[in-house]
Amino acid sequence: RFTISRDNAKNTMYLQMNSLKPEDTAVYYCNAG
């Protein structure tokens, strides 16, 4: 359902979230390391 990706030119990471469910409700935190 989810896809993680990176755009190296923009120094940006993404999380595409599809088919979302109520149990996906949360605070989402980006992390490195």
Full PDB file with SEQRES, HELIX, SHEET, SSBOND, CRYST1, ORIGX, SCALE, CONECT and MASTER records, all heavy atoms in Angstrom:
SEQRES   1 A   33  ARG PHE THR ILE SER ARG ASP ASN ALA LYS ASN THR MET          
SEQRES   2 A   33  TYR LEU GLN MET ASN SER LEU LYS PRO GLU ASP THR ALA          
SEQRES   3 A   33  VAL TYR TYR CYS ASN ALA GLY                                  
HELIX    1 AA1 PRO A   22  ASP A   24  5                                   3    
SHEET    1 AA1 2 PHE A   2  ASP A   7  0                                        
SHEET    2 AA1 2 THR A  12  MET A  17 -1                                        
CRYST1    1.000    1.000    1.000  90.00  90.00  90.00 P 1           1          
ORIGX1      1.000000  0.000000  0.000000        0.00000                         
ORIGX2      0.000000  1.000000  0.000000        0.00000                         
ORIGX3      0.000000  0.000000  1.000000        0.00000                         
SCALE1      1.000000  0.000000  0.000000        0.00000                         
SCALE2      0.000000  1.000000  0.000000        0.00000                         
SCALE3      0.000000  0.000000  1.000000        0.00000                         
ATOM      1  N   ARG A   1       0.807  -1.217   0.000  1.00  0.00           N  
ATOM      2  CA  ARG A   1       0.000   0.000   0.000  1.00  0.00           C  
ATOM      3  C   ARG A   1       0.842   1.270   0.000  1.00  0.00           C  
ATOM      4  O   ARG A   1       0.433   2.276  -0.578  1.00  0.00           O  
ATOM      5  CB  ARG A   1      -0.935   0.027   1.211  1.00  0.00           C  
ATOM      6  CG  ARG A   1      -1.900  -1.136   1.266  1.00  0.00           C  
ATOM      7  CD  ARG A   1      -2.912  -0.968   2.398  1.00  0.00           C  
ATOM      8  NE  ARG A   1      -2.267  -0.947   3.712  1.00  0.00           N  
ATOM      9  CZ  ARG A   1      -2.333   0.075   4.564  1.00  0.00           C  
ATOM     10  NH1 ARG A   1      -3.021   1.170   4.256  1.00  0.00           N  
ATOM     11  NH2 ARG A   1      -1.724  -0.004   5.749  1.00  0.00           N  
ATOM     12  N   PHE A   2       1.996   1.229   0.665  1.00  0.00           N  
ATOM     13  CA  PHE A   2       2.864   2.396   0.782  1.00  0.00           C  
ATOM     14  C   PHE A   2       4.099   2.197  -0.092  1.00  0.00           C  
ATOM     15  O   PHE A   2       4.594   1.072  -0.247  1.00  0.00           O  
ATOM     16  CB  PHE A   2       3.336   2.599   2.224  1.00  0.00           C  
ATOM     17  CG  PHE A   2       2.273   3.030   3.196  1.00  0.00           C  
ATOM     18  CD1 PHE A   2       0.930   3.034   2.872  1.00  0.00           C  
ATOM     19  CD2 PHE A   2       2.648   3.444   4.472  1.00  0.00           C  
ATOM     20  CE1 PHE A   2      -0.035   3.431   3.785  1.00  0.00           C  
ATOM     21  CE2 PHE A   2       1.698   3.843   5.394  1.00  0.00           C  
ATOM     22  CZ  PHE A   2       0.354   3.836   5.052  1.00  0.00           C  
ATOM     23  N   THR A   3       4.619   3.300  -0.623  1.00  0.00           N  
ATOM     24  CA  THR A   3       5.844   3.275  -1.405  1.00  0.00           C  
ATOM     25  C   THR A   3       6.769   4.382  -0.927  1.00  0.00           C  
ATOM     26  O   THR A   3       6.387   5.553  -0.921  1.00  0.00           O  
ATOM     27  CB  THR A   3       5.570   3.452  -2.898  1.00  0.00           C  
ATOM     28  OG1 THR A   3       4.677   2.429  -3.354  1.00  0.00           O  
ATOM     29  CG2 THR A   3       6.871   3.371  -3.700  1.00  0.00           C  
ATOM     30  N   ILE A   4       7.986   4.015  -0.539  1.00  0.00           N  
ATOM     31  CA  ILE A   4       8.992   4.989  -0.134  1.00  0.00           C  
ATOM     32  C   ILE A   4       9.924   5.244  -1.314  1.00  0.00           C  
ATOM     33  O   ILE A   4      10.266   4.318  -2.060  1.00  0.00           O  
ATOM     34  CB  ILE A   4       9.759   4.508   1.119  1.00  0.00           C  
ATOM     35  CG1 ILE A   4      10.663   5.608   1.670  1.00  0.00           C  
ATOM     36  CG2 ILE A   4      10.536   3.230   0.839  1.00  0.00           C  
ATOM     37  CD1 ILE A   4      11.257   5.260   3.035  1.00  0.00           C  
ATOM     38  N   SER A   5      10.325   6.495  -1.498  1.00  0.00           N  
ATOM     39  CA  SER A   5      11.186   6.844  -2.617  1.00  0.00           C  
ATOM     40  C   SER A   5      12.055   8.040  -2.251  1.00  0.00           C  
ATOM     41  O   SER A   5      11.828   8.705  -1.236  1.00  0.00           O  
ATOM     42  CB  SER A   5      10.365   7.144  -3.875  1.00  0.00           C  
ATOM     43  OG  SER A   5       9.505   8.246  -3.666  1.00  0.00           O  
ATOM     44  N   ARG A   6      13.052   8.299  -3.091  1.00  0.00           N  
ATOM     45  CA  ARG A   6      13.962   9.430  -2.892  1.00  0.00           C  
ATOM     46  C   ARG A   6      14.141  10.180  -4.196  1.00  0.00           C  
ATOM     47  O   ARG A   6      14.196   9.579  -5.272  1.00  0.00           O  
ATOM     48  CB  ARG A   6      15.335   8.946  -2.416  1.00  0.00           C  
ATOM     49  CG  ARG A   6      15.369   8.259  -1.096  1.00  0.00           C  
ATOM     50  CD  ARG A   6      16.678   7.521  -0.915  1.00  0.00           C  
ATOM     51  NE  ARG A   6      17.819   8.420  -0.930  1.00  0.00           N  
ATOM     52  CZ  ARG A   6      19.074   8.030  -1.082  1.00  0.00           C  
ATOM     53  NH1 ARG A   6      19.348   6.734  -1.240  1.00  0.00           N  
ATOM     54  NH2 ARG A   6      20.053   8.913  -1.072  1.00  0.00           N  
ATOM     55  N   ASP A   7      14.257  11.504  -4.096  1.00  0.00           N  
ATOM     56  CA  ASP A   7      14.662  12.343  -5.210  1.00  0.00           C  
ATOM     57  C   ASP A   7      16.014  12.934  -4.819  1.00  0.00           C  
ATOM     58  O   ASP A   7      16.082  13.880  -4.039  1.00  0.00           O  
ATOM     59  CB  ASP A   7      13.637  13.434  -5.483  1.00  0.00           C  
ATOM     60  CG  ASP A   7      13.961  14.253  -6.711  1.00  0.00           C  
ATOM     61  OD1 ASP A   7      15.147  14.361  -7.083  1.00  0.00           O  
ATOM     62  OD2 ASP A   7      13.016  14.807  -7.311  1.00  0.00           O  
ATOM     63  N   ASN A   8      17.085  12.376  -5.354  1.00  0.00           N  
ATOM     64  CA  ASN A   8      18.419  12.776  -4.928  1.00  0.00           C  
ATOM     65  C   ASN A   8      18.746  14.220  -5.318  1.00  0.00           C  
ATOM     66  O   ASN A   8      19.492  14.895  -4.608  1.00  0.00           O  
ATOM     67  CB  ASN A   8      19.463  11.827  -5.516  1.00  0.00           C  
ATOM     68  CG  ASN A   8      19.356  10.430  -4.947  1.00  0.00           C  
ATOM     69  OD1 ASN A   8      18.835  10.222  -3.854  1.00  0.00           O  
ATOM     70  ND2 ASN A   8      19.851   9.450  -5.695  1.00  0.00           N  
ATOM     71  N   ALA A   9      18.201  14.694  -6.432  1.00  0.00           N  
ATOM     72  CA  ALA A   9      18.458  16.063  -6.855  1.00  0.00           C  
ATOM     73  C   ALA A   9      17.851  17.082  -5.900  1.00  0.00           C  
ATOM     74  O   ALA A   9      18.355  18.201  -5.784  1.00  0.00           O  
ATOM     75  CB  ALA A   9      17.944  16.290  -8.267  1.00  0.00           C  
ATOM     76  N   LYS A  10      16.770  16.706  -5.230  1.00  0.00           N  
ATOM     77  CA  LYS A  10      16.071  17.613  -4.318  1.00  0.00           C  
ATOM     78  C   LYS A  10      16.355  17.324  -2.851  1.00  0.00           C  
ATOM     79  O   LYS A  10      15.824  18.021  -1.982  1.00  0.00           O  
ATOM     80  CB  LYS A  10      14.570  17.545  -4.560  1.00  0.00           C  
ATOM     81  CG  LYS A  10      14.139  18.021  -5.931  1.00  0.00           C  
ATOM     82  CD  LYS A  10      12.635  17.957  -6.076  1.00  0.00           C  
ATOM     83  CE  LYS A  10      12.188  18.474  -7.424  1.00  0.00           C  
ATOM     84  NZ  LYS A  10      10.713  18.407  -7.584  1.00  0.00           N  
ATOM     85  N   ASN A  11      17.167  16.318  -2.557  1.00  0.00           N  
ATOM     86  CA  ASN A  11      17.426  15.894  -1.171  1.00  0.00           C  
ATOM     87  C   ASN A  11      16.121  15.681  -0.410  1.00  0.00           C  
ATOM     88  O   ASN A  11      15.953  16.119   0.733  1.00  0.00           O  
ATOM     89  CB  ASN A  11      18.303  16.912  -0.435  1.00  0.00           C  
ATOM     90  CG  ASN A  11      19.673  17.054  -1.044  1.00  0.00           C  
ATOM     91  OD1 ASN A  11      20.258  16.088  -1.525  1.00  0.00           O  
ATOM     92  ND2 ASN A  11      20.212  18.267  -1.024  1.00  0.00           N  
ATOM     93  N   THR A  12      15.202  15.000  -1.049  1.00  0.00           N  
ATOM     94  CA  THR A  12      13.862  14.816  -0.505  1.00  0.00           C  
ATOM     95  C   THR A  12      13.454  13.355  -0.584  1.00  0.00           C  
ATOM     96  O   THR A  12      13.692  12.684  -1.594  1.00  0.00           O  
ATOM     97  CB  THR A  12      12.846  15.690  -1.245  1.00  0.00           C  
ATOM     98  OG1 THR A  12      13.223  17.065  -1.115  1.00  0.00           O  
ATOM     99  CG2 THR A  12      11.455  15.515  -0.671  1.00  0.00           C  
ATOM    100  N   MET A  13      12.836  12.878   0.489  1.00  0.00           N  
ATOM    101  CA  MET A  13      12.284  11.538   0.561  1.00  0.00           C  
ATOM    102  C   MET A  13      10.774  11.640   0.618  1.00  0.00           C  
ATOM    103  O   MET A  13      10.227  12.587   1.197  1.00  0.00           O  
ATOM    104  CB  MET A  13      12.811  10.822   1.813  1.00  0.00           C  
ATOM    105  CG  MET A  13      12.233   9.442   2.030  1.00  0.00           C  
ATOM    106  SD  MET A  13      12.838   8.674   3.561  1.00  0.00           S  
ATOM    107  CE  MET A  13      12.165   9.798   4.799  1.00  0.00           C  
ATOM    108  N   TYR A  14      10.090  10.648   0.046  1.00  0.00           N  
ATOM    109  CA  TYR A  14       8.642  10.641  -0.008  1.00  0.00           C  
ATOM    110  C   TYR A  14       8.090   9.332   0.532  1.00  0.00           C  
ATOM    111  O   TYR A  14       8.736   8.289   0.492  1.00  0.00           O  
ATOM    112  CB  TYR A  14       8.152  10.815  -1.442  1.00  0.00           C  
ATOM    113  CG  TYR A  14       8.669  12.048  -2.122  1.00  0.00           C  
ATOM    114  CD1 TYR A  14       9.786  11.993  -2.954  1.00  0.00           C  
ATOM    115  CD2 TYR A  14       8.049  13.280  -1.930  1.00  0.00           C  
ATOM    116  CE1 TYR A  14      10.264  13.127  -3.576  1.00  0.00           C  
ATOM    117  CE2 TYR A  14       8.528  14.419  -2.552  1.00  0.00           C  
ATOM    118  CZ  TYR A  14       9.628  14.339  -3.376  1.00  0.00           C  
ATOM    119  OH  TYR A  14      10.101  15.473  -3.991  1.00  0.00           O  
ATOM    120  N   LEU A  15       6.863   9.404   1.018  1.00  0.00           N  
ATOM    121  CA  LEU A  15       6.095   8.215   1.342  1.00  0.00           C  
ATOM    122  C   LEU A  15       4.730   8.360   0.683  1.00  0.00           C  
ATOM    123  O   LEU A  15       3.907   9.165   1.127  1.00  0.00           O  
ATOM    124  CB  LEU A  15       5.945   8.028   2.851  1.00  0.00           C  
ATOM    125  CG  LEU A  15       5.252   6.739   3.279  1.00  0.00           C  
ATOM    126  CD1 LEU A  15       6.132   5.531   2.961  1.00  0.00           C  
ATOM    127  CD2 LEU A  15       4.901   6.772   4.762  1.00  0.00           C  
ATOM    128  N   GLN A  16       4.521   7.611  -0.385  1.00  0.00           N  
ATOM    129  CA  GLN A  16       3.224   7.577  -1.042  1.00  0.00           C  
ATOM    130  C   GLN A  16       2.359   6.549  -0.333  1.00  0.00           C  
ATOM    131  O   GLN A  16       2.718   5.370  -0.278  1.00  0.00           O  
ATOM    132  CB  GLN A  16       3.378   7.215  -2.514  1.00  0.00           C  
ATOM    133  CG  GLN A  16       2.062   7.113  -3.271  1.00  0.00           C  
ATOM    134  CD  GLN A  16       1.353   8.443  -3.385  1.00  0.00           C  
ATOM    135  OE1 GLN A  16       1.973   9.440  -3.734  1.00  0.00           O  
ATOM    136  NE2 GLN A  16       0.067   8.460  -3.092  1.00  0.00           N  
ATOM    137  N   MET A  17       1.235   6.979   0.202  1.00  0.00           N  
ATOM    138  CA  MET A  17       0.353   6.126   0.977  1.00  0.00           C  
ATOM    139  C   MET A  17      -0.963   5.981   0.236  1.00  0.00           C  
ATOM    140  O   MET A  17      -1.697   6.956   0.063  1.00  0.00           O  
ATOM    141  CB  MET A  17       0.120   6.710   2.371  1.00  0.00           C  
ATOM    142  CG  MET A  17       1.403   6.985   3.140  1.00  0.00           C  
ATOM    143  SD  MET A  17       1.093   7.542   4.832  1.00  0.00           S  
ATOM    144  CE  MET A  17       0.303   9.122   4.498  1.00  0.00           C  
ATOM    145  N   ASN A  18      -1.255   4.774  -0.206  1.00  0.00           N  
ATOM    146  CA  ASN A  18      -2.490   4.465  -0.910  1.00  0.00           C  
ATOM    147  C   ASN A  18      -3.329   3.500  -0.084  1.00  0.00           C  
ATOM    148  O   ASN A  18      -2.836   2.847   0.832  1.00  0.00           O  
ATOM    149  CB  ASN A  18      -2.191   3.849  -2.278  1.00  0.00           C  
ATOM    150  CG  ASN A  18      -1.428   4.771  -3.191  1.00  0.00           C  
ATOM    151  OD1 ASN A  18      -1.593   5.986  -3.150  1.00  0.00           O  
ATOM    152  ND2 ASN A  18      -0.587   4.182  -4.048  1.00  0.00           N  
ATOM    153  N   SER A  19      -4.597   3.389  -0.444  1.00  0.00           N  
ATOM    154  CA  SER A  19      -5.517   2.474   0.236  1.00  0.00           C  
ATOM    155  C   SER A  19      -5.458   2.644   1.742  1.00  0.00           C  
ATOM    156  O   SER A  19      -5.373   1.670   2.496  1.00  0.00           O  
ATOM    157  CB  SER A  19      -5.211   1.027  -0.164  1.00  0.00           C  
ATOM    158  OG  SER A  19      -5.308   0.851  -1.568  1.00  0.00           O  
ATOM    159  N   LEU A  20      -5.527   3.875   2.189  1.00  0.00           N  
ATOM    160  CA  LEU A  20      -5.356   4.167   3.607  1.00  0.00           C  
ATOM    161  C   LEU A  20      -6.495   3.598   4.438  1.00  0.00           C  
ATOM    162  O   LEU A  20      -7.649   3.566   4.008  1.00  0.00           O  
ATOM    163  CB  LEU A  20      -5.240   5.670   3.824  1.00  0.00           C  
ATOM    164  CG  LEU A  20      -3.866   6.238   3.467  1.00  0.00           C  
ATOM    165  CD1 LEU A  20      -3.940   7.744   3.269  1.00  0.00           C  
ATOM    166  CD2 LEU A  20      -2.856   5.896   4.567  1.00  0.00           C  
ATOM    167  N   LYS A  21      -6.138   3.154   5.632  1.00  0.00           N  
ATOM    168  CA  LYS A  21      -7.068   2.551   6.580  1.00  0.00           C  
ATOM    169  C   LYS A  21      -7.110   3.386   7.853  1.00  0.00           C  
ATOM    170  O   LYS A  21      -6.141   4.077   8.174  1.00  0.00           O  
ATOM    171  CB  LYS A  21      -6.619   1.132   6.933  1.00  0.00           C  
ATOM    172  CG  LYS A  21      -6.437   0.208   5.747  1.00  0.00           C  
ATOM    173  CD  LYS A  21      -5.869  -1.125   6.192  1.00  0.00           C  
ATOM    174  CE  LYS A  21      -5.675  -2.066   5.028  1.00  0.00           C  
ATOM    175  NZ  LYS A  21      -5.107  -3.365   5.466  1.00  0.00           N  
ATOM    176  N   PRO A  22      -8.204   3.314   8.614  1.00  0.00           N  
ATOM    177  CA  PRO A  22      -8.243   4.052   9.883  1.00  0.00           C  
ATOM    178  C   PRO A  22      -7.073   3.731  10.803  1.00  0.00           C  
ATOM    179  O   PRO A  22      -6.602   4.623  11.524  1.00  0.00           O  
ATOM    180  CB  PRO A  22      -9.581   3.620  10.487  1.00  0.00           C  
ATOM    181  CG  PRO A  22     -10.430   3.323   9.303  1.00  0.00           C  
ATOM    182  CD  PRO A  22      -9.501   2.704   8.296  1.00  0.00           C  
ATOM    183  N   GLU A  23      -6.589   2.496  10.791  1.00  0.00           N  
ATOM    184  CA  GLU A  23      -5.471   2.127  11.647  1.00  0.00           C  
ATOM    185  C   GLU A  23      -4.144   2.742  11.214  1.00  0.00           C  
ATOM    186  O   GLU A  23      -3.147   2.619  11.928  1.00  0.00           O  
ATOM    187  CB  GLU A  23      -5.333   0.597  11.754  1.00  0.00           C  
ATOM    188  CG  GLU A  23      -5.303  -0.107  10.417  1.00  0.00           C  
ATOM    189  CD  GLU A  23      -6.651  -0.666  10.014  1.00  0.00           C  
ATOM    190  OE1 GLU A  23      -7.666   0.052  10.135  1.00  0.00           O  
ATOM    191  OE2 GLU A  23      -6.700  -1.837   9.573  1.00  0.00           O  
ATOM    192  N   ASP A  24      -4.110   3.401  10.061  1.00  0.00           N  
ATOM    193  CA  ASP A  24      -2.931   4.160   9.654  1.00  0.00           C  
ATOM    194  C   ASP A  24      -2.864   5.526  10.328  1.00  0.00           C  
ATOM    195  O   ASP A  24      -1.851   6.225  10.182  1.00  0.00           O  
ATOM    196  CB  ASP A  24      -2.914   4.358   8.137  1.00  0.00           C  
ATOM    197  CG  ASP A  24      -2.773   3.059   7.367  1.00  0.00           C  
ATOM    198  OD1 ASP A  24      -1.968   2.202   7.782  1.00  0.00           O  
ATOM    199  OD2 ASP A  24      -3.463   2.908   6.332  1.00  0.00           O  
ATOM    200  N   THR A  25      -3.907   5.920  11.034  1.00  0.00           N  
ATOM    201  CA  THR A  25      -3.928   7.211  11.713  1.00  0.00           C  
ATOM    202  C   THR A  25      -2.802   7.287  12.738  1.00  0.00           C  
ATOM    203  O   THR A  25      -2.692   6.430  13.621  1.00  0.00           O  
ATOM    204  CB  THR A  25      -5.280   7.437  12.391  1.00  0.00           C  
ATOM    205  OG1 THR A  25      -6.303   7.518  11.393  1.00  0.00           O  
ATOM    206  CG2 THR A  25      -5.272   8.727  13.199  1.00  0.00           C  
ATOM    207  N   ALA A  26      -1.961   8.305  12.620  1.00  0.00           N  
ATOM    208  CA  ALA A  26      -0.807   8.463  13.501  1.00  0.00           C  
ATOM    209  C   ALA A  26      -0.088   9.749  13.135  1.00  0.00           C  
ATOM    210  O   ALA A  26      -0.366  10.364  12.103  1.00  0.00           O  
ATOM    211  CB  ALA A  26       0.155   7.278  13.361  1.00  0.00           C  
ATOM    212  N   VAL A  27       0.857  10.133  13.979  1.00  0.00           N  
ATOM    213  CA  VAL A  27       1.838  11.133  13.604  1.00  0.00           C  
ATOM    214  C   VAL A  27       2.980  10.401  12.917  1.00  0.00           C  
ATOM    215  O   VAL A  27       3.539   9.447  13.468  1.00  0.00           O  
ATOM    216  CB  VAL A  27       2.346  11.932  14.813  1.00  0.00           C  
ATOM    217  CG1 VAL A  27       3.416  12.933  14.380  1.00  0.00           C  
ATOM    218  CG2 VAL A  27       1.193  12.654  15.495  1.00  0.00           C  
ATOM    219  N   TYR A  28       3.322  10.836  11.723  1.00  0.00           N  
ATOM    220  CA  TYR A  28       4.381  10.218  10.938  1.00  0.00           C  
ATOM    221  C   TYR A  28       5.639  11.071  11.040  1.00  0.00           C  
ATOM    222  O   TYR A  28       5.596  12.288  10.873  1.00  0.00           O  
ATOM    223  CB  TYR A  28       3.955  10.077   9.481  1.00  0.00           C  
ATOM    224  CG  TYR A  28       2.982   8.952   9.269  1.00  0.00           C  
ATOM    225  CD1 TYR A  28       1.688   9.030   9.750  1.00  0.00           C  
ATOM    226  CD2 TYR A  28       3.373   7.788   8.595  1.00  0.00           C  
ATOM    227  CE1 TYR A  28       0.797   7.986   9.583  1.00  0.00           C  
ATOM    228  CE2 TYR A  28       2.481   6.742   8.414  1.00  0.00           C  
ATOM    229  CZ  TYR A  28       1.197   6.845   8.908  1.00  0.00           C  
ATOM    230  OH  TYR A  28       0.316   5.806   8.731  1.00  0.00           O  
ATOM    231  N   TYR A  29       6.765  10.407  11.300  1.00  0.00           N  
ATOM    232  CA  TYR A  29       8.038  11.083  11.510  1.00  0.00           C  
ATOM    233  C   TYR A  29       9.061  10.638  10.477  1.00  0.00           C  
ATOM    234  O   TYR A  29       9.307   9.436  10.316  1.00  0.00           O  
ATOM    235  CB  TYR A  29       8.600  10.772  12.894  1.00  0.00           C  
ATOM    236  CG  TYR A  29       7.760  11.286  14.040  1.00  0.00           C  
ATOM    237  CD1 TYR A  29       6.799  10.490  14.632  1.00  0.00           C  
ATOM    238  CD2 TYR A  29       7.946  12.576  14.527  1.00  0.00           C  
ATOM    239  CE1 TYR A  29       6.033  10.951  15.680  1.00  0.00           C  
ATOM    240  CE2 TYR A  29       7.183  13.046  15.581  1.00  0.00           C  
ATOM    241  CZ  TYR A  29       6.225  12.229  16.152  1.00  0.00           C  
ATOM    242  OH  TYR A  29       5.478  12.698  17.200  1.00  0.00           O  
ATOM    243  N   CYS A  30       9.653  11.595   9.812  1.00  0.00           N  
ATOM    244  CA  CYS A  30      10.799  11.341   8.957  1.00  0.00           C  
ATOM    245  C   CYS A  30      12.013  11.036   9.820  1.00  0.00           C  
ATOM    246  O   CYS A  30      12.200  11.628  10.889  1.00  0.00           O  
ATOM    247  CB  CYS A  30      11.061  12.575   8.091  1.00  0.00           C  
ATOM    248  SG  CYS A  30      12.499  12.479   7.030  1.00  0.00           S  
ATOM    249  N   ASN A  31      12.863  10.111   9.364  1.00  0.00           N  
ATOM    250  CA  ASN A  31      14.040   9.712  10.118  1.00  0.00           C  
ATOM    251  C   ASN A  31      15.227   9.494   9.193  1.00  0.00           C  
ATOM    252  O   ASN A  31      15.078   9.009   8.078  1.00  0.00           O  
ATOM    253  CB  ASN A  31      13.756   8.424  10.891  1.00  0.00           C  
ATOM    254  CG  ASN A  31      15.009   7.819  11.485  1.00  0.00           C  
ATOM    255  OD1 ASN A  31      15.625   6.929  10.891  1.00  0.00           O  
ATOM    256  ND2 ASN A  31      15.395   8.302  12.654  1.00  0.00           N  
ATOM    257  N   ALA A  32      16.399   9.840   9.707  1.00  0.00           N  
ATOM    258  CA  ALA A  32      17.662   9.494   9.066  1.00  0.00           C  
ATOM    259  C   ALA A  32      18.570   8.857  10.102  1.00  0.00           C  
ATOM    260  O   ALA A  32      18.763   9.409  11.188  1.00  0.00           O  
ATOM    261  CB  ALA A  32      18.327  10.727   8.469  1.00  0.00           C  
ATOM    262  N   GLY A  33      19.127   7.699   9.779  1.00  0.00           N  
ATOM    263  CA  GLY A  33      20.087   7.071  10.669  1.00  0.00           C  
ATOM    264  C   GLY A  33      19.487   6.277  11.806  1.00  0.00           C  
ATOM    265  O   GLY A  33      20.141   6.110  12.845  1.00  0.00           O  
TER     266      GLY A  33                                                      
MASTER        0    0    0    1    2    0    0    6  265    1    0    3          
END                                                                             
